[in-house]
């Protein structure tokens, strides 16, 4: 039964990305999976519940992806940040589809959107705190910063940039994320970290 629930979540997510949240109905999801609406309602009371589950899964996937680089002990924090940047650029089309879905979410399901945004803000804040702590431990980030305030500032700036990308489809995602990565490193890096960044990544 759990497998079918996952199939419903994955199928609906794919349809939402392709056609938009508003356009895809429960009937469309059932038709795609060749199941009855009665079967669907065994797992989800309504479309909104399905959307909540999809977003929860998306957040968990995002959390796993952003935590994965910590296992690579040979990488310093600047290498990890640039790997994030590379991954985002390589998945530009997928990111564009996801942001289009978030745009629909804000427009048609504002309550769910607000809950999702709050959860993402909390995750991103924790991620930035971990980045800062790791960089300081590796002696490539400044020790004189207020870690809590810096983390809050950077997490909020990232959130603002994401909102801007969502609202303006003309923005080049890869260029925007490259800009964000450059700004973050310049704010956090000490002389040693900055020299490493300029030598290995700047203007590449």
N, C-alpha and C. Protein backbone atom coordinates (compact mmCIF):
# COMPACT_ATOMS: atom_id res chain seq x y z
N UNK A 1 0.83 -1.21 0.00
CA UNK A 1 0.00 0.00 0.00
C UNK A 1 0.86 1.26 0.00
N UNK A 2 1.99 1.18 0.72
CA UNK A 2 2.89 2.33 0.77
C UNK A 2 3.46 2.64 -0.61
N UNK A 3 3.71 1.57 -1.40
CA UNK A 3 4.23 1.76 -2.75
C UNK A 3 3.25 2.53 -3.62
N UNK A 4 1.96 2.20 -3.50
CA UNK A 4 0.94 2.90 -4.29
C UNK A 4 0.85 4.36 -3.87
N UNK A 5 0.95 4.62 -2.58
CA UNK A 5 0.92 6.00 -2.10
C UNK A 5 2.07 6.79 -2.71
N UNK A 6 3.26 6.19 -2.73
CA UNK A 6 4.42 6.85 -3.33
C UNK A 6 4.23 7.06 -4.83
N UNK A 7 3.59 6.08 -5.49
CA UNK A 7 3.31 6.21 -6.92
C UNK A 7 2.37 7.39 -7.18
N UNK A 8 1.37 7.55 -6.32
CA UNK A 8 0.44 8.67 -6.46
C UNK A 8 1.17 9.99 -6.28
N UNK A 9 2.02 10.07 -5.27
CA UNK A 9 2.78 11.29 -4.99
C UNK A 9 3.71 11.63 -6.16
N UNK A 10 4.45 10.65 -6.65
CA UNK A 10 5.41 10.89 -7.72
C UNK A 10 4.72 11.23 -9.04
N UNK A 11 3.63 10.54 -9.33
CA UNK A 11 2.89 10.79 -10.57
C UNK A 11 2.27 12.17 -10.55
N UNK A 12 1.65 12.52 -9.43
CA UNK A 12 1.02 13.83 -9.31
C UNK A 12 2.06 14.94 -9.40
N UNK A 13 3.21 14.73 -8.77
CA UNK A 13 4.27 15.74 -8.82
C UNK A 13 4.72 15.99 -10.25
N UNK A 14 4.86 14.92 -11.02
CA UNK A 14 5.27 15.04 -12.42
C UNK A 14 4.21 15.78 -13.24
N UNK A 15 2.95 15.47 -12.99
CA UNK A 15 1.86 16.14 -13.72
C UNK A 15 1.77 17.62 -13.34
N UNK A 16 1.94 17.91 -12.06
CA UNK A 16 1.89 19.30 -11.60
C UNK A 16 3.00 20.12 -12.24
N UNK A 17 4.20 19.53 -12.34
CA UNK A 17 5.32 20.25 -12.95
C UNK A 17 5.07 20.51 -14.43
N UNK A 18 4.44 19.54 -15.07
CA UNK A 18 4.23 19.64 -16.52
C UNK A 18 3.08 20.57 -16.89
N UNK A 19 1.98 20.47 -16.13
CA UNK A 19 0.77 21.20 -16.50
C UNK A 19 0.35 22.30 -15.52
N UNK A 20 0.95 22.30 -14.32
CA UNK A 20 0.57 23.30 -13.33
C UNK A 20 -0.38 22.73 -12.28
N UNK A 21 -0.33 23.28 -11.09
CA UNK A 21 -1.16 22.79 -9.98
C UNK A 21 -2.65 22.93 -10.28
N UNK A 22 -3.03 24.04 -10.84
CA UNK A 22 -4.45 24.33 -11.06
C UNK A 22 -5.06 23.41 -12.11
N UNK A 23 -4.28 23.07 -13.14
CA UNK A 23 -4.82 22.34 -14.29
C UNK A 23 -5.02 20.86 -14.04
N UNK A 24 -4.26 20.29 -13.12
CA UNK A 24 -4.30 18.84 -12.89
C UNK A 24 -5.32 18.52 -11.79
N UNK A 25 -6.25 17.62 -12.12
CA UNK A 25 -7.29 17.22 -11.17
C UNK A 25 -6.99 15.85 -10.57
N UNK A 26 -7.76 15.48 -9.57
CA UNK A 26 -7.64 14.13 -9.00
C UNK A 26 -7.95 13.10 -10.07
N UNK A 27 -8.93 13.39 -10.93
CA UNK A 27 -9.26 12.48 -12.03
C UNK A 27 -8.06 12.24 -12.95
N UNK A 28 -7.30 13.30 -13.22
CA UNK A 28 -6.12 13.18 -14.08
C UNK A 28 -5.08 12.26 -13.46
N UNK A 29 -4.87 12.40 -12.15
CA UNK A 29 -3.89 11.56 -11.45
C UNK A 29 -4.35 10.10 -11.48
N UNK A 30 -5.64 9.88 -11.21
CA UNK A 30 -6.18 8.52 -11.21
C UNK A 30 -6.09 7.88 -12.59
N UNK A 31 -6.38 8.66 -13.61
CA UNK A 31 -6.31 8.15 -14.98
C UNK A 31 -4.89 7.76 -15.35
N UNK A 32 -3.93 8.58 -14.94
CA UNK A 32 -2.53 8.31 -15.25
C UNK A 32 -2.05 7.02 -14.61
N UNK A 33 -2.59 6.71 -13.42
CA UNK A 33 -2.18 5.52 -12.68
C UNK A 33 -3.12 4.32 -12.88
N UNK A 34 -4.21 4.57 -13.62
CA UNK A 34 -5.24 3.52 -13.84
C UNK A 34 -5.80 3.01 -12.51
N UNK A 35 -6.15 3.95 -11.63
CA UNK A 35 -6.77 3.60 -10.36
C UNK A 35 -8.09 4.37 -10.24
N UNK A 36 -8.95 3.92 -9.33
CA UNK A 36 -10.23 4.60 -9.12
C UNK A 36 -10.05 5.75 -8.13
N UNK A 37 -11.02 6.66 -8.13
CA UNK A 37 -10.99 7.76 -7.16
C UNK A 37 -11.16 7.21 -5.75
N UNK A 38 -11.89 6.12 -5.63
CA UNK A 38 -12.06 5.50 -4.32
C UNK A 38 -10.71 5.07 -3.77
N UNK A 39 -9.88 4.49 -4.63
CA UNK A 39 -8.54 4.08 -4.21
C UNK A 39 -7.72 5.31 -3.81
N UNK A 40 -7.83 6.37 -4.60
CA UNK A 40 -7.11 7.60 -4.28
C UNK A 40 -7.49 8.11 -2.89
N UNK A 41 -8.79 8.08 -2.59
CA UNK A 41 -9.27 8.62 -1.32
C UNK A 41 -8.90 7.73 -0.13
N UNK A 42 -8.39 6.55 -0.40
CA UNK A 42 -7.85 5.73 0.69
C UNK A 42 -6.57 6.33 1.25
N UNK A 43 -5.91 7.17 0.44
CA UNK A 43 -4.63 7.75 0.82
C UNK A 43 -4.71 9.25 1.08
N UNK A 44 -5.57 9.94 0.35
CA UNK A 44 -5.66 11.40 0.47
C UNK A 44 -7.12 11.84 0.50
N UNK A 45 -7.46 12.70 1.44
CA UNK A 45 -8.84 13.15 1.55
C UNK A 45 -9.22 14.11 0.44
N UNK A 46 -8.22 14.88 -0.04
CA UNK A 46 -8.48 15.89 -1.06
C UNK A 46 -7.18 16.24 -1.77
N UNK A 47 -7.28 17.00 -2.80
CA UNK A 47 -6.11 17.40 -3.59
C UNK A 47 -5.10 18.16 -2.74
N UNK A 48 -5.57 19.00 -1.85
CA UNK A 48 -4.68 19.79 -1.00
C UNK A 48 -3.77 18.90 -0.16
N UNK A 49 -4.32 17.79 0.35
CA UNK A 49 -3.51 16.87 1.15
C UNK A 49 -2.39 16.25 0.31
N UNK A 50 -2.71 15.96 -0.95
CA UNK A 50 -1.70 15.42 -1.85
C UNK A 50 -0.59 16.44 -2.09
N UNK A 51 -0.96 17.69 -2.29
CA UNK A 51 0.02 18.74 -2.51
C UNK A 51 0.94 18.88 -1.30
N UNK A 52 0.37 18.83 -0.10
CA UNK A 52 1.16 18.92 1.13
C UNK A 52 2.18 17.79 1.19
N UNK A 53 1.76 16.58 0.84
CA UNK A 53 2.67 15.43 0.84
C UNK A 53 3.80 15.60 -0.17
N UNK A 54 3.46 16.09 -1.35
CA UNK A 54 4.47 16.32 -2.39
C UNK A 54 5.51 17.32 -1.93
N UNK A 55 5.07 18.39 -1.31
CA UNK A 55 5.99 19.42 -0.83
C UNK A 55 6.86 18.90 0.31
N UNK A 56 6.27 18.08 1.16
CA UNK A 56 7.04 17.47 2.26
C UNK A 56 8.15 16.59 1.68
N UNK A 57 7.82 15.79 0.68
CA UNK A 57 8.82 14.93 0.04
C UNK A 57 9.90 15.77 -0.63
N UNK A 58 9.50 16.86 -1.28
CA UNK A 58 10.45 17.75 -1.93
C UNK A 58 11.42 18.34 -0.90
N UNK A 59 10.91 18.73 0.25
CA UNK A 59 11.78 19.29 1.29
C UNK A 59 12.75 18.24 1.83
N UNK A 60 12.25 17.03 2.01
CA UNK A 60 13.12 15.95 2.49
C UNK A 60 14.21 15.63 1.48
N UNK A 61 13.86 15.60 0.20
CA UNK A 61 14.86 15.37 -0.86
C UNK A 61 15.90 16.48 -0.86
N UNK A 62 15.41 17.72 -0.72
CA UNK A 62 16.31 18.87 -0.69
C UNK A 62 17.26 18.77 0.51
N UNK A 63 16.71 18.38 1.65
CA UNK A 63 17.51 18.24 2.86
C UNK A 63 18.59 17.18 2.68
N UNK A 64 18.23 16.06 2.08
CA UNK A 64 19.19 14.98 1.86
C UNK A 64 20.29 15.39 0.89
N UNK A 65 19.91 16.13 -0.15
CA UNK A 65 20.90 16.57 -1.15
C UNK A 65 21.87 17.58 -0.56
N UNK A 66 21.38 18.48 0.27
CA UNK A 66 22.26 19.50 0.82
C UNK A 66 23.10 18.97 1.97
N UNK A 67 22.72 17.85 2.55
CA UNK A 67 23.52 17.25 3.61
C UNK A 67 24.56 16.29 3.04
N UNK A 68 24.31 15.74 1.87
CA UNK A 68 25.19 14.74 1.29
C UNK A 68 26.65 15.16 1.18
N UNK A 69 26.93 16.40 0.73
CA UNK A 69 28.34 16.78 0.59
C UNK A 69 29.16 16.73 1.86
N UNK A 70 28.50 16.77 3.03
CA UNK A 70 29.28 16.76 4.27
C UNK A 70 30.06 15.47 4.45
N UNK A 71 29.69 14.41 3.73
CA UNK A 71 30.39 13.13 3.89
C UNK A 71 31.73 13.14 3.15
N UNK A 72 31.94 14.12 2.26
CA UNK A 72 33.17 14.17 1.49
C UNK A 72 34.23 14.93 2.28
N UNK A 73 34.98 14.20 3.07
CA UNK A 73 35.93 14.83 3.97
C UNK A 73 37.06 15.53 3.23
N UNK A 74 37.30 15.14 1.97
CA UNK A 74 38.40 15.75 1.21
C UNK A 74 38.03 17.15 0.72
N UNK A 75 36.75 17.50 0.76
CA UNK A 75 36.31 18.81 0.28
C UNK A 75 36.26 19.82 1.42
N UNK A 76 36.78 21.02 1.16
CA UNK A 76 36.57 22.08 2.15
C UNK A 76 35.24 22.76 1.84
N UNK A 77 34.86 23.70 2.67
CA UNK A 77 33.53 24.30 2.55
C UNK A 77 33.37 25.08 1.25
N UNK A 78 34.43 25.69 0.77
CA UNK A 78 34.34 26.44 -0.49
C UNK A 78 34.11 25.49 -1.67
N UNK A 79 34.77 24.33 -1.66
CA UNK A 79 34.52 23.32 -2.69
C UNK A 79 33.06 22.86 -2.64
N UNK A 80 32.55 22.69 -1.44
CA UNK A 80 31.17 22.23 -1.28
C UNK A 80 30.19 23.28 -1.80
N UNK A 81 30.42 24.55 -1.47
CA UNK A 81 29.55 25.62 -1.95
C UNK A 81 29.55 25.69 -3.48
N UNK A 82 30.70 25.53 -4.08
CA UNK A 82 30.78 25.59 -5.53
C UNK A 82 30.17 24.34 -6.17
N UNK A 83 30.19 23.22 -5.44
CA UNK A 83 29.51 22.01 -5.93
C UNK A 83 28.01 22.23 -5.92
N UNK A 84 27.50 22.88 -4.88
CA UNK A 84 26.08 23.25 -4.84
C UNK A 84 25.73 24.09 -6.06
N UNK A 85 26.57 25.09 -6.32
CA UNK A 85 26.35 26.01 -7.44
C UNK A 85 26.33 25.26 -8.76
N UNK A 86 27.27 24.33 -8.94
CA UNK A 86 27.34 23.54 -10.17
C UNK A 86 26.11 22.67 -10.34
N UNK A 87 25.67 22.04 -9.25
CA UNK A 87 24.50 21.17 -9.30
C UNK A 87 23.25 21.95 -9.70
N UNK A 88 23.09 23.14 -9.13
CA UNK A 88 21.93 23.97 -9.45
C UNK A 88 21.94 24.38 -10.92
N UNK A 89 23.10 24.76 -11.42
CA UNK A 89 23.22 25.16 -12.82
C UNK A 89 22.92 24.00 -13.77
N UNK A 90 23.37 22.81 -13.40
CA UNK A 90 23.16 21.63 -14.24
C UNK A 90 21.71 21.16 -14.25
N UNK A 91 20.95 21.63 -13.25
CA UNK A 91 19.54 21.23 -13.15
C UNK A 91 18.62 22.43 -13.35
N UNK A 92 19.04 23.34 -14.22
CA UNK A 92 18.30 24.59 -14.40
C UNK A 92 16.86 24.35 -14.85
N UNK A 93 16.65 23.44 -15.78
CA UNK A 93 15.31 23.20 -16.30
C UNK A 93 14.40 22.60 -15.23
N UNK A 94 14.93 21.67 -14.48
CA UNK A 94 14.16 21.06 -13.38
C UNK A 94 13.80 22.12 -12.34
N UNK A 95 14.76 22.98 -12.03
CA UNK A 95 14.51 24.05 -11.05
C UNK A 95 13.44 25.02 -11.55
N UNK A 96 13.47 25.28 -12.86
CA UNK A 96 12.49 26.20 -13.44
C UNK A 96 11.07 25.64 -13.31
N UNK A 97 10.93 24.34 -13.54
CA UNK A 97 9.62 23.69 -13.42
C UNK A 97 9.13 23.74 -11.97
N UNK A 98 10.05 23.50 -11.05
CA UNK A 98 9.67 23.52 -9.64
C UNK A 98 9.23 24.92 -9.22
N UNK A 99 9.96 25.94 -9.66
CA UNK A 99 9.61 27.31 -9.30
C UNK A 99 8.28 27.73 -9.91
N UNK A 100 7.97 27.20 -11.09
CA UNK A 100 6.68 27.47 -11.71
C UNK A 100 5.55 26.88 -10.86
N UNK A 101 5.81 25.70 -10.30
CA UNK A 101 4.82 25.07 -9.43
C UNK A 101 4.65 25.88 -8.14
N UNK A 102 5.74 26.42 -7.60
CA UNK A 102 5.67 27.24 -6.40
C UNK A 102 4.88 28.53 -6.68
N UNK A 103 5.02 29.07 -7.88
CA UNK A 103 4.27 30.25 -8.27
C UNK A 103 2.77 29.95 -8.24
N UNK A 104 2.38 28.79 -8.78
CA UNK A 104 0.97 28.36 -8.74
C UNK A 104 0.51 28.14 -7.30
N UNK A 105 1.40 27.59 -6.50
CA UNK A 105 1.06 27.31 -5.10
C UNK A 105 0.71 28.60 -4.37
N UNK A 106 1.53 29.62 -4.56
CA UNK A 106 1.27 30.90 -3.89
C UNK A 106 -0.03 31.52 -4.37
N UNK A 107 -0.34 31.36 -5.65
CA UNK A 107 -1.52 31.98 -6.24
C UNK A 107 -2.82 31.27 -5.86
N UNK A 108 -2.80 29.94 -5.89
CA UNK A 108 -4.05 29.19 -5.72
C UNK A 108 -4.20 28.51 -4.36
N UNK A 109 -3.06 28.26 -3.67
CA UNK A 109 -3.12 27.60 -2.37
C UNK A 109 -2.25 28.36 -1.37
N UNK A 110 -2.62 29.59 -1.05
CA UNK A 110 -1.78 30.46 -0.21
C UNK A 110 -1.47 29.91 1.18
N UNK A 111 -2.42 29.20 1.78
CA UNK A 111 -2.18 28.65 3.12
C UNK A 111 -1.08 27.58 3.07
N UNK A 112 -1.16 26.69 2.09
CA UNK A 112 -0.13 25.65 1.94
C UNK A 112 1.20 26.29 1.58
N UNK A 113 1.16 27.31 0.73
CA UNK A 113 2.37 28.02 0.34
C UNK A 113 3.08 28.60 1.56
N UNK A 114 2.32 29.24 2.45
CA UNK A 114 2.90 29.84 3.65
C UNK A 114 3.56 28.79 4.53
N UNK A 115 2.91 27.65 4.69
CA UNK A 115 3.47 26.57 5.51
C UNK A 115 4.77 26.05 4.90
N UNK A 116 4.75 25.89 3.57
CA UNK A 116 5.94 25.41 2.86
C UNK A 116 7.09 26.41 2.99
N UNK A 117 6.79 27.68 2.82
CA UNK A 117 7.81 28.72 2.91
C UNK A 117 8.45 28.75 4.30
N UNK A 118 7.64 28.63 5.34
CA UNK A 118 8.17 28.65 6.70
C UNK A 118 9.09 27.45 6.94
N UNK A 119 8.70 26.29 6.44
CA UNK A 119 9.52 25.09 6.60
C UNK A 119 10.84 25.23 5.84
N UNK A 120 10.79 25.80 4.64
CA UNK A 120 12.01 25.98 3.85
C UNK A 120 12.93 27.02 4.49
N UNK A 121 12.35 28.07 5.05
CA UNK A 121 13.15 29.09 5.74
C UNK A 121 13.92 28.46 6.91
N UNK A 122 13.25 27.63 7.67
CA UNK A 122 13.88 26.99 8.83
C UNK A 122 15.02 26.07 8.38
N UNK A 123 14.76 25.32 7.30
CA UNK A 123 15.81 24.42 6.79
C UNK A 123 17.00 25.21 6.27
N UNK A 124 16.75 26.25 5.49
CA UNK A 124 17.84 27.03 4.91
C UNK A 124 18.66 27.74 5.98
N UNK A 125 17.99 28.20 7.04
CA UNK A 125 18.71 28.84 8.14
C UNK A 125 19.66 27.85 8.80
N UNK A 126 19.18 26.64 9.03
CA UNK A 126 20.02 25.60 9.64
C UNK A 126 21.18 25.24 8.72
N UNK A 127 20.91 25.18 7.43
CA UNK A 127 21.96 24.86 6.46
C UNK A 127 23.05 25.93 6.46
N UNK A 128 22.66 27.20 6.46
CA UNK A 128 23.64 28.29 6.46
C UNK A 128 24.46 28.27 7.75
N UNK A 129 23.83 27.99 8.87
CA UNK A 129 24.57 27.89 10.14
C UNK A 129 25.64 26.81 10.05
N UNK A 130 25.29 25.67 9.47
CA UNK A 130 26.25 24.58 9.32
C UNK A 130 27.40 24.98 8.40
N UNK A 131 27.07 25.69 7.32
CA UNK A 131 28.09 26.15 6.39
C UNK A 131 29.09 27.08 7.10
N UNK A 132 28.55 28.02 7.86
CA UNK A 132 29.40 28.98 8.57
C UNK A 132 30.30 28.28 9.58
N UNK A 133 29.72 27.39 10.37
CA UNK A 133 30.50 26.69 11.39
C UNK A 133 31.61 25.84 10.77
N UNK A 134 31.29 25.16 9.67
CA UNK A 134 32.30 24.33 9.01
C UNK A 134 33.43 25.18 8.45
N UNK A 135 33.06 26.32 7.84
CA UNK A 135 34.08 27.20 7.28
C UNK A 135 35.01 27.78 8.32
N UNK A 136 34.46 28.13 9.50
CA UNK A 136 35.28 28.66 10.58
C UNK A 136 36.20 27.57 11.13
N UNK A 137 35.67 26.36 11.27
CA UNK A 137 36.48 25.24 11.75
C UNK A 137 37.65 24.95 10.80
N UNK A 138 37.44 25.18 9.52
CA UNK A 138 38.48 24.92 8.52
C UNK A 138 39.39 26.12 8.30
N UNK A 139 39.13 27.21 9.05
CA UNK A 139 39.95 28.42 8.99
C UNK A 139 39.93 29.10 7.62
N UNK A 140 38.80 28.98 6.91
CA UNK A 140 38.66 29.69 5.63
C UNK A 140 37.56 30.75 5.71
N UNK A 141 36.80 30.77 6.81
CA UNK A 141 35.80 31.81 7.05
C UNK A 141 36.23 32.66 8.24
N UNK A 142 35.78 33.90 8.25
CA UNK A 142 36.11 34.83 9.32
C UNK A 142 35.57 34.37 10.67
N UNK A 143 36.36 34.58 11.70
CA UNK A 143 35.94 34.23 13.05
C UNK A 143 35.28 35.41 13.78
N UNK A 144 35.40 36.62 13.20
CA UNK A 144 34.92 37.80 13.91
C UNK A 144 33.46 38.13 13.63
N UNK A 145 32.76 37.29 12.89
CA UNK A 145 31.36 37.56 12.57
C UNK A 145 30.41 37.08 13.67
N UNK A 146 29.25 37.67 13.75
CA UNK A 146 28.18 37.17 14.61
C UNK A 146 27.50 36.04 13.82
N UNK A 147 27.74 34.81 14.22
CA UNK A 147 27.28 33.66 13.42
C UNK A 147 25.77 33.64 13.26
N UNK A 148 25.07 33.94 14.33
CA UNK A 148 23.60 33.87 14.30
C UNK A 148 23.03 34.92 13.35
N UNK A 149 23.49 36.17 13.49
CA UNK A 149 22.98 37.25 12.65
C UNK A 149 23.38 37.07 11.19
N UNK A 150 24.60 36.61 10.97
CA UNK A 150 25.07 36.38 9.60
C UNK A 150 24.25 35.29 8.93
N UNK A 151 23.98 34.22 9.66
CA UNK A 151 23.18 33.13 9.11
C UNK A 151 21.77 33.61 8.77
N UNK A 152 21.18 34.40 9.66
CA UNK A 152 19.84 34.94 9.41
C UNK A 152 19.83 35.84 8.18
N UNK A 153 20.84 36.69 8.08
CA UNK A 153 20.93 37.62 6.95
C UNK A 153 21.05 36.86 5.63
N UNK A 154 21.97 35.91 5.56
CA UNK A 154 22.20 35.17 4.32
C UNK A 154 21.00 34.31 3.94
N UNK A 155 20.38 33.66 4.93
CA UNK A 155 19.21 32.83 4.65
C UNK A 155 18.06 33.68 4.11
N UNK A 156 17.89 34.86 4.68
CA UNK A 156 16.82 35.76 4.22
C UNK A 156 17.12 36.30 2.82
N UNK A 157 18.38 36.60 2.55
CA UNK A 157 18.75 37.08 1.22
C UNK A 157 18.52 36.00 0.17
N UNK A 158 18.85 34.76 0.53
CA UNK A 158 18.63 33.65 -0.40
C UNK A 158 17.14 33.49 -0.67
N UNK A 159 16.34 33.60 0.38
CA UNK A 159 14.89 33.47 0.23
C UNK A 159 14.34 34.59 -0.67
N UNK A 160 14.86 35.80 -0.49
CA UNK A 160 14.42 36.93 -1.32
C UNK A 160 14.77 36.70 -2.78
N UNK A 161 15.97 36.18 -3.03
CA UNK A 161 16.40 35.89 -4.40
C UNK A 161 15.52 34.82 -5.04
N UNK A 162 15.17 33.81 -4.27
CA UNK A 162 14.31 32.74 -4.78
C UNK A 162 12.94 33.28 -5.15
N UNK A 163 12.42 34.19 -4.33
CA UNK A 163 11.12 34.81 -4.62
C UNK A 163 11.20 35.62 -5.90
N UNK A 164 12.32 36.31 -6.09
CA UNK A 164 12.51 37.12 -7.30
C UNK A 164 12.55 36.24 -8.54
N UNK A 165 13.25 35.11 -8.44
CA UNK A 165 13.34 34.17 -9.57
C UNK A 165 11.96 33.61 -9.90
N UNK A 166 11.19 33.31 -8.86
CA UNK A 166 9.85 32.75 -9.05
C UNK A 166 8.94 33.74 -9.78
N UNK A 167 9.06 35.00 -9.43
CA UNK A 167 8.17 36.02 -9.98
C UNK A 167 8.58 36.49 -11.37
N UNK A 168 9.88 36.46 -11.66
CA UNK A 168 10.38 36.96 -12.95
C UNK A 168 11.01 35.81 -13.73
N UNK A 169 10.27 35.27 -14.69
CA UNK A 169 10.74 34.10 -15.44
C UNK A 169 11.85 34.45 -16.43
N UNK A 170 12.16 35.73 -16.61
CA UNK A 170 13.21 36.13 -17.53
C UNK A 170 14.60 36.01 -16.92
N UNK A 171 14.65 35.87 -15.60
CA UNK A 171 15.94 35.80 -14.91
C UNK A 171 16.64 34.50 -15.23
N UNK A 172 17.92 34.58 -15.56
CA UNK A 172 18.75 33.40 -15.81
C UNK A 172 19.10 32.75 -14.48
N UNK A 173 18.58 31.55 -14.25
CA UNK A 173 18.76 30.88 -12.95
C UNK A 173 20.23 30.61 -12.65
N UNK A 174 20.95 30.08 -13.63
CA UNK A 174 22.35 29.75 -13.42
C UNK A 174 23.17 30.98 -13.06
N UNK A 175 22.93 32.08 -13.77
CA UNK A 175 23.64 33.32 -13.50
C UNK A 175 23.30 33.86 -12.13
N UNK A 176 22.03 33.77 -11.75
CA UNK A 176 21.60 34.26 -10.44
C UNK A 176 22.25 33.47 -9.31
N UNK A 177 22.25 32.14 -9.42
CA UNK A 177 22.84 31.33 -8.35
C UNK A 177 24.35 31.50 -8.30
N UNK A 178 24.98 31.72 -9.45
CA UNK A 178 26.40 32.00 -9.46
C UNK A 178 26.70 33.30 -8.72
N UNK A 179 25.84 34.29 -8.91
CA UNK A 179 25.98 35.57 -8.21
C UNK A 179 25.82 35.38 -6.71
N UNK A 180 24.80 34.60 -6.31
CA UNK A 180 24.56 34.35 -4.88
C UNK A 180 25.77 33.67 -4.24
N UNK A 181 26.31 32.65 -4.91
CA UNK A 181 27.47 31.92 -4.37
C UNK A 181 28.67 32.85 -4.20
N UNK A 182 28.89 33.71 -5.19
CA UNK A 182 30.01 34.66 -5.14
C UNK A 182 29.85 35.62 -3.97
N UNK A 183 28.64 36.15 -3.78
CA UNK A 183 28.38 37.10 -2.68
C UNK A 183 28.58 36.42 -1.33
N UNK A 184 28.06 35.20 -1.19
CA UNK A 184 28.16 34.48 0.09
C UNK A 184 29.62 34.26 0.47
N UNK A 185 30.43 33.81 -0.49
CA UNK A 185 31.83 33.56 -0.20
C UNK A 185 32.57 34.85 0.15
N UNK A 186 32.27 35.93 -0.56
CA UNK A 186 32.94 37.20 -0.29
C UNK A 186 32.56 37.76 1.09
N UNK A 187 31.36 37.48 1.54
CA UNK A 187 30.94 37.92 2.87
C UNK A 187 31.61 37.11 3.96
N UNK A 188 31.74 35.79 3.74
CA UNK A 188 32.18 34.89 4.80
C UNK A 188 33.68 34.63 4.83
N UNK A 189 34.34 34.64 3.68
CA UNK A 189 35.73 34.18 3.60
C UNK A 189 36.72 35.13 4.26
N UNK A 190 37.73 34.54 4.91
CA UNK A 190 38.87 35.32 5.37
C UNK A 190 39.91 35.37 4.24
N UNK A 191 41.08 35.88 4.52
CA UNK A 191 42.09 36.01 3.45
C UNK A 191 42.46 34.66 2.85
N UNK A 192 42.65 33.67 3.70
CA UNK A 192 42.99 32.33 3.22
C UNK A 192 41.88 31.77 2.34
N UNK A 193 40.64 31.90 2.79
CA UNK A 193 39.51 31.38 2.02
C UNK A 193 39.33 32.12 0.71
N UNK A 194 39.51 33.44 0.74
CA UNK A 194 39.33 34.24 -0.46
C UNK A 194 40.39 33.91 -1.50
N UNK A 195 41.62 33.73 -1.05
CA UNK A 195 42.70 33.36 -1.97
C UNK A 195 42.41 32.01 -2.63
N UNK A 196 41.90 31.07 -1.84
CA UNK A 196 41.58 29.75 -2.38
C UNK A 196 40.46 29.87 -3.42
N UNK A 197 39.44 30.65 -3.11
CA UNK A 197 38.31 30.84 -4.03
C UNK A 197 38.75 31.50 -5.33
N UNK A 198 39.52 32.58 -5.23
CA UNK A 198 39.96 33.30 -6.43
C UNK A 198 40.86 32.44 -7.30
N UNK A 199 41.70 31.65 -6.67
CA UNK A 199 42.63 30.79 -7.41
C UNK A 199 41.92 29.66 -8.13
N UNK A 200 40.90 29.07 -7.49
CA UNK A 200 40.30 27.85 -8.03
C UNK A 200 38.98 28.03 -8.76
N UNK A 201 38.26 29.12 -8.48
CA UNK A 201 36.91 29.21 -9.02
C UNK A 201 36.54 30.53 -9.70
N UNK A 202 37.13 31.62 -9.27
CA UNK A 202 36.67 32.91 -9.79
C UNK A 202 36.92 33.05 -11.28
N UNK A 203 35.91 33.58 -11.98
CA UNK A 203 35.95 33.81 -13.43
C UNK A 203 36.03 32.54 -14.27
N UNK A 204 35.65 31.40 -13.65
CA UNK A 204 35.62 30.15 -14.43
C UNK A 204 34.25 29.92 -15.02
